[in-house]
Amino acid sequence: MQINSRNQSTASNPAHDIWKEQRHPLDRIFGPRSVAVIGATEREGSVGRTLLWNLIRNPFGGTVFPVNPQRRSVLGLKSYPDIASVPERVDLAVIATPAAGVPQVIRECIAAGVKGAIIVSAGFKEIGAAGEALEQQVIAQARLGGMRIIGPNCLGVMNPVLGLNATFAGTIARPCRLHQSKRRPLYFDPRLEFGRKCRF
């Protein structure tokens, strides 16, 4: 019994687990190892197609999974009917489905262990009370499930250093150096300069 107790104590002590990788919660959004595009499609000009295409044409070092119950493949990649069917743990879900279905999508993502989500979909509090109620559902579920969310109704996220373009923008910004002065905090300028000038 003493041996078992000692082993349990050792296992719970982080000092004895020096090889265990510690990831910041936001790494799943800004440096994901796997991304699911929920609402991926091949329809020209659609947000779902542009999101998927941007992710696969700008290699970021991770795997991309289209999720669309109506298609067996999207842009040459095997498609899955729902997030639960994806064969590996997904770090980041990029959601481009109608707003009414987003709370259910978030519930499914949390059940599948997804810890980060970008909700590109519009139709939330910007349209009034009904949309605000949907948004509150999403926020409540995210808090219960420990999920970090960017959105809703947003462009997406870029990390040019990694090559991550989880947006529906026409191009990815080029990497640049951000400077932080002592007089003001570091911030991200929402105006995309695409690497022409990055002075803050």
N, C-alpha and C. Protein backbone atom coordinates (compact mmCIF):
# COMPACT_ATOMS: atom_id res chain seq x y z
N MET A 1 0.83 -1.19 0.00
CA MET A 1 0.00 0.00 0.00
C MET A 1 0.87 1.25 0.00
N GLN A 2 2.00 1.21 0.70
CA GLN A 2 2.88 2.35 0.74
C GLN A 2 3.46 2.63 -0.65
N ILE A 3 3.77 1.56 -1.38
CA ILE A 3 4.34 1.73 -2.72
C ILE A 3 3.32 2.38 -3.64
N ASN A 4 2.08 1.92 -3.59
CA ASN A 4 1.04 2.49 -4.43
C ASN A 4 0.82 3.97 -4.11
N SER A 5 0.81 4.26 -2.81
CA SER A 5 0.60 5.64 -2.40
C SER A 5 1.72 6.53 -2.89
N ARG A 6 2.93 6.04 -2.83
CA ARG A 6 4.08 6.82 -3.28
C ARG A 6 4.02 7.04 -4.78
N ASN A 7 3.63 6.01 -5.52
CA ASN A 7 3.54 6.14 -6.97
C ASN A 7 2.48 7.16 -7.36
N GLN A 8 1.35 7.13 -6.64
CA GLN A 8 0.31 8.10 -6.95
C GLN A 8 0.77 9.51 -6.67
N SER A 9 1.53 9.69 -5.56
CA SER A 9 2.04 11.01 -5.22
C SER A 9 3.01 11.51 -6.26
N THR A 10 3.88 10.60 -6.72
CA THR A 10 4.86 10.97 -7.73
C THR A 10 4.19 11.34 -9.02
N ALA A 11 3.14 10.58 -9.40
CA ALA A 11 2.46 10.84 -10.66
C ALA A 11 1.76 12.18 -10.66
N SER A 12 1.31 12.61 -9.46
CA SER A 12 0.57 13.87 -9.39
C SER A 12 1.48 15.07 -9.20
N ASN A 13 2.77 14.83 -9.02
CA ASN A 13 3.73 15.91 -8.81
C ASN A 13 4.32 16.34 -10.15
N PRO A 14 4.08 17.60 -10.59
CA PRO A 14 4.58 18.04 -11.89
C PRO A 14 6.09 17.98 -12.01
N ALA A 15 6.79 18.04 -10.87
CA ALA A 15 8.26 18.00 -10.91
C ALA A 15 8.77 16.67 -11.41
N HIS A 16 7.97 15.63 -11.30
CA HIS A 16 8.37 14.30 -11.75
C HIS A 16 7.89 14.02 -13.17
N ASP A 17 7.30 15.00 -13.80
CA ASP A 17 6.77 14.81 -15.15
C ASP A 17 7.40 15.82 -16.10
N ILE A 18 8.74 15.86 -16.12
CA ILE A 18 9.45 16.91 -16.84
C ILE A 18 9.29 16.81 -18.34
N TRP A 19 8.87 15.64 -18.85
CA TRP A 19 8.73 15.48 -20.30
C TRP A 19 7.34 15.84 -20.78
N LYS A 20 6.41 16.08 -19.85
CA LYS A 20 5.05 16.42 -20.27
C LYS A 20 5.03 17.84 -20.83
N GLU A 21 4.52 17.98 -22.03
CA GLU A 21 4.50 19.28 -22.68
C GLU A 21 3.39 20.15 -22.11
N GLN A 22 3.74 21.38 -21.77
CA GLN A 22 2.77 22.33 -21.26
C GLN A 22 2.40 23.30 -22.38
N ARG A 23 1.14 23.35 -22.74
CA ARG A 23 0.68 24.25 -23.79
C ARG A 23 -0.22 25.32 -23.19
N HIS A 24 -0.02 26.53 -23.65
CA HIS A 24 -0.91 27.61 -23.24
C HIS A 24 -2.28 27.37 -23.86
N PRO A 25 -3.37 27.67 -23.15
CA PRO A 25 -4.70 27.43 -23.72
C PRO A 25 -4.92 28.10 -25.08
N LEU A 26 -4.31 29.26 -25.29
CA LEU A 26 -4.51 29.96 -26.56
C LEU A 26 -3.71 29.36 -27.71
N ASP A 27 -2.78 28.45 -27.38
CA ASP A 27 -2.03 27.78 -28.46
C ASP A 27 -2.95 26.99 -29.37
N ARG A 28 -4.06 26.55 -28.85
CA ARG A 28 -5.00 25.78 -29.67
C ARG A 28 -5.68 26.64 -30.72
N ILE A 29 -5.65 27.95 -30.51
CA ILE A 29 -6.21 28.86 -31.51
C ILE A 29 -5.12 29.44 -32.40
N PHE A 30 -4.03 29.87 -31.81
CA PHE A 30 -2.99 30.56 -32.58
C PHE A 30 -1.88 29.64 -33.08
N GLY A 31 -1.83 28.42 -32.54
CA GLY A 31 -0.84 27.45 -33.01
C GLY A 31 -1.39 26.04 -32.97
N PRO A 32 -2.53 25.81 -33.63
CA PRO A 32 -3.19 24.49 -33.55
C PRO A 32 -2.41 23.41 -34.29
N ARG A 33 -2.54 22.20 -33.80
CA ARG A 33 -1.96 21.05 -34.50
C ARG A 33 -2.98 20.39 -35.43
N SER A 34 -4.25 20.68 -35.21
CA SER A 34 -5.30 20.15 -36.06
C SER A 34 -6.47 21.12 -36.05
N VAL A 35 -7.07 21.29 -37.24
CA VAL A 35 -8.17 22.24 -37.40
C VAL A 35 -9.31 21.55 -38.13
N ALA A 36 -10.51 21.70 -37.61
CA ALA A 36 -11.72 21.23 -38.31
C ALA A 36 -12.47 22.44 -38.82
N VAL A 37 -12.83 22.41 -40.10
CA VAL A 37 -13.64 23.48 -40.68
C VAL A 37 -15.06 22.96 -40.76
N ILE A 38 -15.92 23.42 -39.86
CA ILE A 38 -17.29 22.95 -39.78
C ILE A 38 -18.15 23.86 -40.65
N GLY A 39 -18.67 23.28 -41.72
CA GLY A 39 -19.36 24.07 -42.73
C GLY A 39 -18.53 24.22 -43.98
N ALA A 40 -17.47 23.41 -44.11
CA ALA A 40 -16.64 23.43 -45.31
C ALA A 40 -17.47 23.02 -46.53
N THR A 41 -17.23 23.68 -47.64
CA THR A 41 -17.98 23.38 -48.85
C THR A 41 -17.13 23.71 -50.07
N GLU A 42 -17.56 23.22 -51.23
CA GLU A 42 -16.87 23.53 -52.47
C GLU A 42 -17.57 24.63 -53.26
N ARG A 43 -18.60 25.20 -52.72
CA ARG A 43 -19.35 26.23 -53.44
C ARG A 43 -18.51 27.48 -53.62
N GLU A 44 -18.29 27.86 -54.87
CA GLU A 44 -17.46 29.01 -55.19
C GLU A 44 -17.97 30.27 -54.50
N GLY A 45 -17.05 31.02 -53.92
CA GLY A 45 -17.39 32.28 -53.28
C GLY A 45 -17.93 32.16 -51.87
N SER A 46 -18.10 30.94 -51.38
CA SER A 46 -18.65 30.76 -50.04
C SER A 46 -17.56 30.92 -48.98
N VAL A 47 -17.98 31.30 -47.78
CA VAL A 47 -17.04 31.44 -46.67
C VAL A 47 -16.43 30.09 -46.32
N GLY A 48 -17.25 29.04 -46.31
CA GLY A 48 -16.76 27.71 -45.96
C GLY A 48 -15.68 27.21 -46.90
N ARG A 49 -15.80 27.52 -48.18
CA ARG A 49 -14.78 27.11 -49.14
C ARG A 49 -13.50 27.92 -48.95
N THR A 50 -13.66 29.24 -48.77
CA THR A 50 -12.48 30.10 -48.63
C THR A 50 -11.69 29.76 -47.38
N LEU A 51 -12.39 29.51 -46.27
CA LEU A 51 -11.70 29.11 -45.04
C LEU A 51 -10.86 27.86 -45.24
N LEU A 52 -11.47 26.84 -45.83
CA LEU A 52 -10.76 25.58 -46.05
C LEU A 52 -9.59 25.77 -46.99
N TRP A 53 -9.81 26.48 -48.08
CA TRP A 53 -8.75 26.70 -49.06
C TRP A 53 -7.58 27.46 -48.45
N ASN A 54 -7.87 28.48 -47.65
CA ASN A 54 -6.79 29.24 -47.01
C ASN A 54 -5.96 28.38 -46.07
N LEU A 55 -6.61 27.46 -45.39
CA LEU A 55 -5.88 26.58 -44.47
C LEU A 55 -4.99 25.59 -45.19
N ILE A 56 -5.46 25.07 -46.33
CA ILE A 56 -4.66 24.04 -47.00
C ILE A 56 -3.63 24.62 -47.96
N ARG A 57 -3.82 25.85 -48.41
CA ARG A 57 -2.82 26.42 -49.32
C ARG A 57 -1.71 27.15 -48.57
N ASN A 58 -1.87 27.34 -47.26
CA ASN A 58 -0.84 27.96 -46.42
C ASN A 58 -0.47 26.96 -45.32
N PRO A 59 0.47 26.05 -45.60
CA PRO A 59 0.80 25.00 -44.62
C PRO A 59 1.24 25.60 -43.28
N PHE A 60 0.62 25.14 -42.20
CA PHE A 60 0.93 25.66 -40.86
C PHE A 60 1.49 24.57 -39.96
N GLY A 61 1.69 23.38 -40.51
CA GLY A 61 2.25 22.29 -39.73
C GLY A 61 1.23 21.41 -39.05
N GLY A 62 -0.06 21.61 -39.37
CA GLY A 62 -1.11 20.80 -38.75
C GLY A 62 -1.98 20.13 -39.79
N THR A 63 -2.97 19.40 -39.31
CA THR A 63 -3.89 18.65 -40.16
C THR A 63 -5.22 19.38 -40.24
N VAL A 64 -5.84 19.34 -41.42
CA VAL A 64 -7.11 20.02 -41.64
C VAL A 64 -8.19 18.98 -41.94
N PHE A 65 -9.34 19.11 -41.27
CA PHE A 65 -10.44 18.19 -41.45
C PHE A 65 -11.70 18.96 -41.86
N PRO A 66 -12.19 18.79 -43.08
CA PRO A 66 -13.49 19.37 -43.43
C PRO A 66 -14.61 18.60 -42.74
N VAL A 67 -15.62 19.33 -42.27
CA VAL A 67 -16.79 18.70 -41.67
C VAL A 67 -18.03 19.19 -42.42
N ASN A 68 -18.67 18.25 -43.10
CA ASN A 68 -19.87 18.56 -43.87
C ASN A 68 -20.66 17.26 -44.05
N PRO A 69 -21.84 17.13 -43.45
CA PRO A 69 -22.58 15.88 -43.52
C PRO A 69 -23.12 15.56 -44.90
N GLN A 70 -23.06 16.52 -45.81
CA GLN A 70 -23.61 16.32 -47.15
C GLN A 70 -22.57 15.87 -48.17
N ARG A 71 -21.30 15.87 -47.80
CA ARG A 71 -20.25 15.56 -48.77
C ARG A 71 -19.28 14.54 -48.22
N ARG A 72 -18.76 13.70 -49.12
CA ARG A 72 -17.76 12.71 -48.73
C ARG A 72 -16.36 13.27 -48.82
N SER A 73 -16.17 14.32 -49.62
CA SER A 73 -14.88 15.00 -49.69
C SER A 73 -15.12 16.46 -50.05
N VAL A 74 -14.19 17.31 -49.63
CA VAL A 74 -14.25 18.73 -49.95
C VAL A 74 -12.85 19.18 -50.35
N LEU A 75 -12.73 19.73 -51.55
CA LEU A 75 -11.44 20.18 -52.08
C LEU A 75 -10.37 19.09 -51.99
N GLY A 76 -10.79 17.88 -52.25
CA GLY A 76 -9.85 16.76 -52.27
C GLY A 76 -9.55 16.13 -50.93
N LEU A 77 -10.11 16.67 -49.86
CA LEU A 77 -9.90 16.10 -48.52
C LEU A 77 -11.12 15.32 -48.08
N LYS A 78 -10.89 14.21 -47.40
CA LYS A 78 -12.00 13.43 -46.86
C LYS A 78 -12.81 14.30 -45.91
N SER A 79 -14.12 14.26 -46.07
CA SER A 79 -15.01 15.04 -45.22
C SER A 79 -15.69 14.14 -44.20
N TYR A 80 -16.01 14.72 -43.05
CA TYR A 80 -16.63 13.97 -41.96
C TYR A 80 -18.01 14.55 -41.66
N PRO A 81 -18.95 13.71 -41.28
CA PRO A 81 -20.33 14.19 -41.07
C PRO A 81 -20.49 15.09 -39.85
N ASP A 82 -19.62 14.91 -38.85
CA ASP A 82 -19.69 15.74 -37.65
C ASP A 82 -18.34 15.69 -36.95
N ILE A 83 -18.16 16.54 -35.95
CA ILE A 83 -16.87 16.63 -35.28
C ILE A 83 -16.52 15.34 -34.55
N ALA A 84 -17.54 14.61 -34.09
CA ALA A 84 -17.28 13.36 -33.37
C ALA A 84 -16.68 12.29 -34.27
N SER A 85 -16.87 12.43 -35.57
CA SER A 85 -16.36 11.43 -36.52
C SER A 85 -14.92 11.67 -36.93
N VAL A 86 -14.37 12.82 -36.61
CA VAL A 86 -12.98 13.12 -36.96
C VAL A 86 -12.07 12.16 -36.20
N PRO A 87 -11.12 11.52 -36.87
CA PRO A 87 -10.37 10.41 -36.25
C PRO A 87 -9.31 10.81 -35.24
N GLU A 88 -9.05 12.10 -35.05
CA GLU A 88 -8.09 12.50 -34.02
C GLU A 88 -8.59 13.73 -33.29
N ARG A 89 -7.97 14.00 -32.15
CA ARG A 89 -8.38 15.14 -31.35
C ARG A 89 -8.13 16.44 -32.11
N VAL A 90 -9.12 17.30 -32.12
CA VAL A 90 -9.03 18.56 -32.85
C VAL A 90 -8.73 19.68 -31.86
N ASP A 91 -7.72 20.49 -32.17
CA ASP A 91 -7.40 21.64 -31.33
C ASP A 91 -8.36 22.79 -31.57
N LEU A 92 -8.65 23.06 -32.85
CA LEU A 92 -9.39 24.27 -33.22
C LEU A 92 -10.52 23.93 -34.19
N ALA A 93 -11.71 24.40 -33.87
CA ALA A 93 -12.84 24.28 -34.79
C ALA A 93 -13.13 25.66 -35.36
N VAL A 94 -13.16 25.74 -36.69
CA VAL A 94 -13.54 26.97 -37.36
C VAL A 94 -14.96 26.76 -37.88
N ILE A 95 -15.89 27.57 -37.38
CA ILE A 95 -17.31 27.30 -37.61
C ILE A 95 -17.89 28.31 -38.58
N ALA A 96 -18.43 27.79 -39.67
CA ALA A 96 -19.05 28.64 -40.70
C ALA A 96 -20.39 28.03 -41.08
N THR A 97 -21.25 27.89 -40.11
CA THR A 97 -22.59 27.33 -40.32
C THR A 97 -23.62 28.41 -39.97
N PRO A 98 -24.88 28.24 -40.36
CA PRO A 98 -25.91 29.21 -39.96
C PRO A 98 -25.96 29.38 -38.45
N ALA A 99 -26.21 30.62 -38.02
CA ALA A 99 -26.15 30.96 -36.60
C ALA A 99 -27.04 30.07 -35.74
N ALA A 100 -28.21 29.72 -36.23
CA ALA A 100 -29.16 28.95 -35.42
C ALA A 100 -28.58 27.60 -34.99
N GLY A 101 -27.68 27.03 -35.77
CA GLY A 101 -27.11 25.73 -35.43
C GLY A 101 -25.81 25.79 -34.65
N VAL A 102 -25.28 26.99 -34.43
CA VAL A 102 -23.97 27.11 -33.78
C VAL A 102 -23.97 26.61 -32.33
N PRO A 103 -24.99 26.91 -31.51
CA PRO A 103 -24.96 26.35 -30.15
C PRO A 103 -24.83 24.83 -30.12
N GLN A 104 -25.53 24.15 -31.02
CA GLN A 104 -25.42 22.69 -31.09
C GLN A 104 -24.02 22.27 -31.53
N VAL A 105 -23.45 23.00 -32.49
CA VAL A 105 -22.09 22.69 -32.94
C VAL A 105 -21.11 22.85 -31.79
N ILE A 106 -21.26 23.90 -31.01
CA ILE A 106 -20.38 24.11 -29.86
C ILE A 106 -20.52 22.97 -28.86
N ARG A 107 -21.75 22.53 -28.60
CA ARG A 107 -21.95 21.41 -27.69
C ARG A 107 -21.23 20.17 -28.19
N GLU A 108 -21.33 19.89 -29.49
CA GLU A 108 -20.67 18.72 -30.06
C GLU A 108 -19.14 18.85 -29.99
N CYS A 109 -18.64 20.05 -30.21
CA CYS A 109 -17.20 20.27 -30.13
C CYS A 109 -16.68 20.03 -28.72
N ILE A 110 -17.40 20.54 -27.74
CA ILE A 110 -16.98 20.35 -26.35
C ILE A 110 -16.98 18.87 -25.99
N ALA A 111 -18.02 18.16 -26.44
CA ALA A 111 -18.10 16.72 -26.17
C ALA A 111 -16.94 15.97 -26.81
N ALA A 112 -16.44 16.48 -27.94
CA ALA A 112 -15.33 15.84 -28.65
C ALA A 112 -13.97 16.28 -28.13
N GLY A 113 -13.96 17.16 -27.13
CA GLY A 113 -12.69 17.58 -26.53
C GLY A 113 -12.02 18.76 -27.20
N VAL A 114 -12.73 19.45 -28.08
CA VAL A 114 -12.16 20.62 -28.76
C VAL A 114 -12.10 21.77 -27.75
N LYS A 115 -10.94 22.43 -27.67
CA LYS A 115 -10.74 23.47 -26.67
C LYS A 115 -10.70 24.89 -27.25
N GLY A 116 -10.69 25.01 -28.58
CA GLY A 116 -10.65 26.33 -29.19
C GLY A 116 -11.61 26.38 -30.37
N ALA A 117 -12.27 27.53 -30.55
CA ALA A 117 -13.20 27.68 -31.67
C ALA A 117 -13.16 29.12 -32.19
N ILE A 118 -13.30 29.23 -33.50
CA ILE A 118 -13.48 30.53 -34.15
C ILE A 118 -14.84 30.47 -34.82
N ILE A 119 -15.74 31.36 -34.41
CA ILE A 119 -17.07 31.38 -34.99
C ILE A 119 -17.13 32.52 -36.00
N VAL A 120 -17.06 32.16 -37.27
CA VAL A 120 -17.10 33.14 -38.34
C VAL A 120 -18.54 33.53 -38.64
N SER A 121 -19.46 32.66 -38.34
CA SER A 121 -20.88 32.86 -38.65
C SER A 121 -21.39 34.20 -38.12
N ALA A 122 -22.25 34.83 -38.91
CA ALA A 122 -22.96 36.04 -38.48
C ALA A 122 -24.38 35.66 -38.08
N GLY A 123 -25.09 36.64 -37.50
CA GLY A 123 -26.47 36.40 -37.11
C GLY A 123 -26.65 36.29 -35.62
N PHE A 124 -25.80 36.99 -34.87
CA PHE A 124 -25.89 36.95 -33.41
C PHE A 124 -26.38 38.30 -32.90
N LYS A 125 -25.76 38.85 -31.87
CA LYS A 125 -26.37 40.03 -31.25
C LYS A 125 -26.41 41.24 -32.18
N GLU A 126 -25.66 41.18 -33.28
CA GLU A 126 -25.70 42.31 -34.21
C GLU A 126 -27.05 42.42 -34.92
N ILE A 127 -27.88 41.35 -34.84
CA ILE A 127 -29.19 41.41 -35.51
C ILE A 127 -30.34 41.66 -34.54
N GLY A 128 -30.03 41.71 -33.23
CA GLY A 128 -31.09 41.98 -32.28
C GLY A 128 -31.22 40.94 -31.19
N ALA A 129 -32.37 40.93 -30.53
CA ALA A 129 -32.58 40.11 -29.34
C ALA A 129 -32.44 38.61 -29.60
N ALA A 130 -32.99 38.14 -30.72
CA ALA A 130 -32.92 36.70 -31.01
C ALA A 130 -31.47 36.26 -31.19
N GLY A 131 -30.70 37.06 -31.91
CA GLY A 131 -29.29 36.73 -32.10
C GLY A 131 -28.50 36.84 -30.82
N GLU A 132 -28.84 37.79 -29.97
CA GLU A 132 -28.14 37.93 -28.69
C GLU A 132 -28.41 36.71 -27.81
N ALA A 133 -29.63 36.18 -27.86
CA ALA A 133 -29.94 34.98 -27.08
C ALA A 133 -29.09 33.80 -27.53
N LEU A 134 -28.91 33.66 -28.86
CA LEU A 134 -28.04 32.60 -29.38
C LEU A 134 -26.61 32.77 -28.87
N GLU A 135 -26.14 34.00 -28.91
CA GLU A 135 -24.77 34.27 -28.47
C GLU A 135 -24.58 33.94 -27.00
N GLN A 136 -25.57 34.24 -26.18
CA GLN A 136 -25.48 33.92 -24.76
C GLN A 136 -25.45 32.41 -24.53
N GLN A 137 -26.16 31.67 -25.35
CA GLN A 137 -26.10 30.20 -25.27
C GLN A 137 -24.68 29.71 -25.54
N VAL A 138 -24.08 30.27 -26.58
CA VAL A 138 -22.72 29.87 -26.95
C VAL A 138 -21.75 30.19 -25.81
N ILE A 139 -21.85 31.39 -25.25
CA ILE A 139 -20.95 31.80 -24.17
C ILE A 139 -21.11 30.89 -22.96
N ALA A 140 -22.35 30.59 -22.59
CA ALA A 140 -22.59 29.73 -21.43
C ALA A 140 -22.00 28.34 -21.63
N GLN A 141 -22.18 27.78 -22.82
CA GLN A 141 -21.65 26.45 -23.09
C GLN A 141 -20.12 26.45 -23.08
N ALA A 142 -19.52 27.50 -23.65
CA ALA A 142 -18.06 27.60 -23.69
C ALA A 142 -17.49 27.67 -22.28
N ARG A 143 -18.12 28.41 -21.43
CA ARG A 143 -17.64 28.52 -20.05
C ARG A 143 -17.72 27.18 -19.33
N LEU A 144 -18.84 26.48 -19.51
CA LEU A 144 -18.99 25.18 -18.86
C LEU A 144 -17.98 24.17 -19.39
N GLY A 145 -17.68 24.26 -20.70
CA GLY A 145 -16.79 23.28 -21.31
C GLY A 145 -15.33 23.67 -21.34
N GLY A 146 -15.00 24.85 -20.80
CA GLY A 146 -13.60 25.28 -20.79
C GLY A 146 -13.06 25.56 -22.18
N MET A 147 -13.91 26.05 -23.06
CA MET A 147 -13.51 26.33 -24.44
C MET A 147 -13.22 27.82 -24.62
N ARG A 148 -12.15 28.13 -25.36
CA ARG A 148 -11.84 29.51 -25.73
C ARG A 148 -12.44 29.78 -27.11
N ILE A 149 -13.12 30.92 -27.24
CA ILE A 149 -13.80 31.25 -28.48
C ILE A 149 -13.40 32.63 -28.98
N ILE A 150 -13.18 32.75 -30.28
CA ILE A 150 -13.06 34.03 -30.96
C ILE A 150 -14.28 34.17 -31.87
N GLY A 151 -14.96 35.29 -31.78
CA GLY A 151 -16.18 35.50 -32.53
C GLY A 151 -17.35 35.67 -31.58
N PRO A 152 -18.56 35.60 -32.13
CA PRO A 152 -18.92 35.26 -33.51
C PRO A 152 -18.81 36.47 -34.44
N ASN A 153 -19.18 36.22 -35.72
CA ASN A 153 -19.21 37.26 -36.73
C ASN A 153 -17.85 37.93 -36.85
N CYS A 154 -16.80 37.14 -37.11
CA CYS A 154 -15.46 37.69 -37.20
C CYS A 154 -14.77 37.20 -38.47
N LEU A 155 -13.66 37.83 -38.80
CA LEU A 155 -12.88 37.46 -39.98
C LEU A 155 -12.16 36.14 -39.79
N GLY A 156 -11.74 35.86 -38.54
CA GLY A 156 -10.96 34.66 -38.26
C GLY A 156 -9.65 35.03 -37.61
N VAL A 157 -8.67 34.15 -37.71
CA VAL A 157 -7.37 34.35 -37.06
C VAL A 157 -6.25 34.01 -38.04
N MET A 158 -5.22 34.85 -38.05
CA MET A 158 -4.00 34.59 -38.80
C MET A 158 -2.82 34.51 -37.85
N ASN A 159 -1.90 33.62 -38.14
CA ASN A 159 -0.60 33.61 -37.49
C ASN A 159 0.44 33.46 -38.60
N PRO A 160 0.87 34.58 -39.20
CA PRO A 160 1.77 34.50 -40.35
C PRO A 160 3.09 33.80 -40.05
N VAL A 161 3.53 33.83 -38.80
CA VAL A 161 4.80 33.18 -38.45
C VAL A 161 4.71 31.67 -38.71
N LEU A 162 3.56 31.08 -38.37
CA LEU A 162 3.35 29.65 -38.59
C LEU A 162 2.79 29.34 -39.97
N GLY A 163 2.23 30.36 -40.62
CA GLY A 163 1.55 30.13 -41.90
C GLY A 163 0.08 29.83 -41.72
N LEU A 164 -0.45 30.06 -40.53
CA LEU A 164 -1.85 29.77 -40.26
C LEU A 164 -2.73 30.89 -40.81
N ASN A 165 -3.68 30.52 -41.67
CA ASN A 165 -4.66 31.48 -42.17
C ASN A 165 -6.04 30.89 -42.01
N ALA A 166 -6.60 31.07 -40.83
CA ALA A 166 -7.96 30.58 -40.54
C ALA A 166 -8.93 31.74 -40.68
N THR A 167 -8.91 32.36 -41.87
CA THR A 167 -9.79 33.49 -42.16
C THR A 167 -10.37 33.29 -43.56
N PHE A 168 -11.29 34.20 -43.92
CA PHE A 168 -11.77 34.20 -45.30
C PHE A 168 -11.23 35.42 -46.05
N ALA A 169 -10.10 35.95 -45.58
CA ALA A 169 -9.43 37.04 -46.28
C ALA A 169 -8.80 36.52 -47.57
N GLY A 170 -8.52 37.42 -48.49
CA GLY A 170 -8.00 37.02 -49.79
C GLY A 170 -6.55 36.59 -49.77
N THR A 171 -5.81 36.98 -48.74
CA THR A 171 -4.40 36.62 -48.65
C THR A 171 -3.98 36.61 -47.19
N ILE A 172 -2.80 36.09 -46.92
CA ILE A 172 -2.29 36.06 -45.54
C ILE A 172 -1.29 37.18 -45.37
N ALA A 173 -1.29 37.79 -44.20
CA ALA A 173 -0.30 38.82 -43.89
C ALA A 173 1.09 38.21 -43.84
N ARG A 174 2.08 39.00 -44.20
CA ARG A 174 3.45 38.53 -44.10
C ARG A 174 3.97 38.73 -42.69
N PRO A 175 4.86 37.84 -42.22
CA PRO A 175 5.39 38.00 -40.86
C PRO A 175 6.14 39.32 -40.73
N CYS A 176 6.02 39.95 -39.58
CA CYS A 176 6.78 41.17 -39.31
C CYS A 176 7.06 41.24 -37.83
N ARG A 177 7.94 42.11 -37.46
CA ARG A 177 8.32 42.25 -36.06
C ARG A 177 7.45 43.29 -35.39
N LEU A 178 6.90 42.93 -34.23
CA LEU A 178 6.08 43.85 -33.45
C LEU A 178 6.95 44.45 -32.35
N HIS A 179 6.90 45.74 -32.21
CA HIS A 179 7.70 46.42 -31.20
C HIS A 179 6.80 46.88 -30.07
N GLN A 180 7.31 46.75 -28.86
CA GLN A 180 6.57 47.18 -27.69
C GLN A 180 7.35 48.26 -26.97
N SER A 181 6.73 49.40 -26.76
CA SER A 181 7.40 50.49 -26.05
C SER A 181 7.03 50.42 -24.58
N LYS A 182 7.78 51.14 -23.76
CA LYS A 182 7.50 51.16 -22.33
C LYS A 182 6.28 52.02 -22.02
N ARG A 183 5.91 52.87 -22.95
CA ARG A 183 4.81 53.79 -22.69
C ARG A 183 3.45 53.22 -23.05
N ARG A 184 3.42 52.19 -23.86
CA ARG A 184 2.13 51.63 -24.23
C ARG A 184 2.25 50.14 -24.42
N PRO A 185 1.19 49.39 -24.18
CA PRO A 185 1.26 47.92 -24.30
C PRO A 185 1.28 47.49 -25.76
N LEU A 186 1.71 46.27 -25.96
CA LEU A 186 1.69 45.66 -27.29
C LEU A 186 0.26 45.34 -27.68
N TYR A 187 -0.10 45.67 -28.89
CA TYR A 187 -1.44 45.35 -29.36
C TYR A 187 -1.38 44.98 -30.83
N PHE A 188 -2.46 44.39 -31.30
CA PHE A 188 -2.53 43.99 -32.71
C PHE A 188 -3.41 44.98 -33.45
N ASP A 189 -2.86 45.59 -34.48
CA ASP A 189 -3.62 46.54 -35.28
C ASP A 189 -4.58 45.77 -36.18
N PRO A 190 -5.89 45.96 -36.06
CA PRO A 190 -6.82 45.19 -36.88
C PRO A 190 -6.75 45.54 -38.36
N ARG A 191 -6.12 46.65 -38.71
CA ARG A 191 -5.98 46.99 -40.13
C ARG A 191 -4.84 46.16 -40.71
N LEU A 192 -5.16 45.32 -41.66
CA LEU A 192 -4.15 44.43 -42.23
C LEU A 192 -3.25 45.21 -43.17
N GLU A 193 -1.99 45.35 -42.79
CA GLU A 193 -1.02 46.01 -43.66
C GLU A 193 -0.31 45.00 -44.55
N PHE A 194 -0.54 43.70 -44.28
CA PHE A 194 0.05 42.63 -45.08
C PHE A 194 1.56 42.78 -45.22
N GLY A 195 2.20 43.17 -44.12
CA GLY A 195 3.66 43.15 -44.07
C GLY A 195 4.31 44.36 -44.69
N ARG A 196 3.56 45.29 -45.26
CA ARG A 196 4.21 46.45 -45.86
C ARG A 196 4.84 47.33 -44.80
N LYS A 197 4.15 47.47 -43.68
CA LYS A 197 4.67 48.29 -42.59
C LYS A 197 4.07 47.78 -41.30
N CYS A 198 4.91 47.43 -40.34
CA CYS A 198 4.42 46.89 -39.07
C CYS A 198 5.08 47.65 -37.94
N ARG A 199 4.70 48.87 -37.76
CA ARG A 199 5.25 49.67 -36.68
C ARG A 199 4.14 50.02 -35.70
N PHE A 200 4.40 49.70 -34.43
CA PHE A 200 3.38 49.92 -33.41
C PHE A 200 3.94 50.84 -32.33
